[in-house]
Amino acid sequence: MTLAPDVLDRLGPLGSLATDIARELGERRAIRRLHDLDHTLWREDPTELADRLGWIPVVAEVRADLGDLRRRCARLVDGVDHVLVMGMGGSSLFPEVLAQTLAGAGGPELHVLDTTDPAAIARIAAGLPPERTLHLASSKSGSTIETRSHLEWAWARSGDPARFAVVTDPGSDLGALARERGFAEVFENRPDIGGRYSALSLFGIVPALLAGVDAEALLDGGLDALDACSPDVPPEANPAIALAAALAAGVRAGRDKATLAPHPRASALGLWWEQLVAESLGKDGTGVVPIVGDPLGPPDVYGDDRLFLVDPDHSTPAASLRAAGHPVLELRAGPDPRALGWFVVVTELATALTGAAIGVQPFDQPDVAAAKAATNEVLAQGGASVDETPLVDALAQLEPGDHLAIQAFVDPGSPAAAALQAARVALRDQHRVATSLGFGPRFLHSTGQLHKGGPRAIVCVQVVAPISAEIPIPGRDFGFGHLEHAQAAGDLRTLLARGIRAARVPLSELAGEA
């Protein structure tokens, strides 16, 4: 089995190796076994495999049920101007893509709350009158501390059950609480789907319907992708195999930093794709390092550890990168609903296939629980004092081929956040290393797995904003700011305990790099 010649040409130094990997996947009947929901493609042990493959059939199931779902959602938004999704990780990132990419779709304005930063919560609350806002708590487990805290905060502000709904798995505590309080709706998702693969399940489609997004087109795009990547399609024409072979070849060849450059009007797709790749493939000391939100620069700012996945809209910089010898794969990632649905399914399939190619189980997250436990320890201790390291000392640890992960516990909508994004690009150019910027605690449910369990060629730099005005969490003896600081301290503690190069640095010093 070979990849199409134009794909090989565009992959440059990875072309031959990608062809070999595609052949290996063909010999293992990987695409057939994936569509057959065969967990032995990755492991004989079915744990967190056999019960994590429902994301493939759910697209057709939700499409068939769309009429009923549309009626249920329309009833919820009568008299509503805003929909606030309260969730973390897989429950929030695709709704965030919808909010940023398809804003003004004709329904209520869609907002996402996935931070414990009190300044951010106050900023969001200021624009959302409780009586004109539908509050949607979204959590697979129903026990996520951030989402349950957000829900109690919102309930204290409103207390009107007609303005509350939940999306969760059957039998969760969140569903039971919603029924006890008489919430307007409880949407129960198919339970055999992990959060990062849930975009076209109820966790993504319900927010889409509430906001007036064309959910039919989203799902039809997903069905198009399943057809395009079916076992009946010639392998050389299968986009999921091409993408998986490129990613796996990058890992084997030391080009494990995969930069996604979607269509400019779909830049938020990076947030969702980053979690999918980082949490699925960043473990066992290996994996693909997703780089998103990073504007394409001139070829000479990149080392030889890069692979570029570029929407056709970026043809000019892509040509420059190819000419300089960097591998570039063209990947359609456009801004309309059907294109979004197509991208979601193709990249889900490709991520699962990449896991099979590099020997990684793509559906578990073995290194996430440690940071949660460390947060609970800090909360039980009443807090933790963390010393700051001068930025110059932290950056002195960088070596060629490293990934500089900036972990920012600040308001993502603040001027400080914009300064950190500019600083991230400046540091990329100065040090010629891949840089990422994650906002806590969001990244703990996304790239946190990669930081702790992925390639050790990583330096983590943490910044934490001071608590300007605390917001209490009803039913807790601490507020959101205290929780945010405990999450930061717990994560840093976990990184250092694993021997990862990590430090907290002054926010002013890092922002000053801009």
Foldseek 3Di string as FASTA:
>chain_A
DAADPVQLLQQFPLNVQLRVLLVVCVVVVVQQCLLVQPQVLFPPDCVLRSLANCLQVQLVVCLVVVVVLLVLLVQLQVQAQEEEEEDFFLLFLLLVLCQQQVAPLPAHRYHYDHALAPVQVVVVVVVHQLVRYAYEQEDAQLPPPRSVLVVLLSCVRHVDLSRYEYEYAPPHPNQVVNVVSVHSYYHHWRNSHDSLSCCSTCSNLSSCSNRNAPNSLLSVLLVVLCVQQHSVHPSNRNLLSSLLSSCLSLQVVQLQEEEEAADPSSLSVLSSLQQQQQQQAQFPQAGHHYFGPADQDQQVLADQNHEYEYEVVPVVNSVRNVVVRHRYGYDHQDRHSSSPSNNSNSSNSNSCSNCSSNSTGRRDQVQLVQLVVQLVVQVVVVHDDFDADAPVVLCVPADPSAEEEEEEAHNCPDPLVVLLSVLQNLCSNVVNYHYHYDYPPNCSSGNLSNLQGGHLSYAYEYEYDDRPDFDDRPPDPGTSNRSSRSSRVSSQVNNVVSVHHYGYHYSCNSSVSD
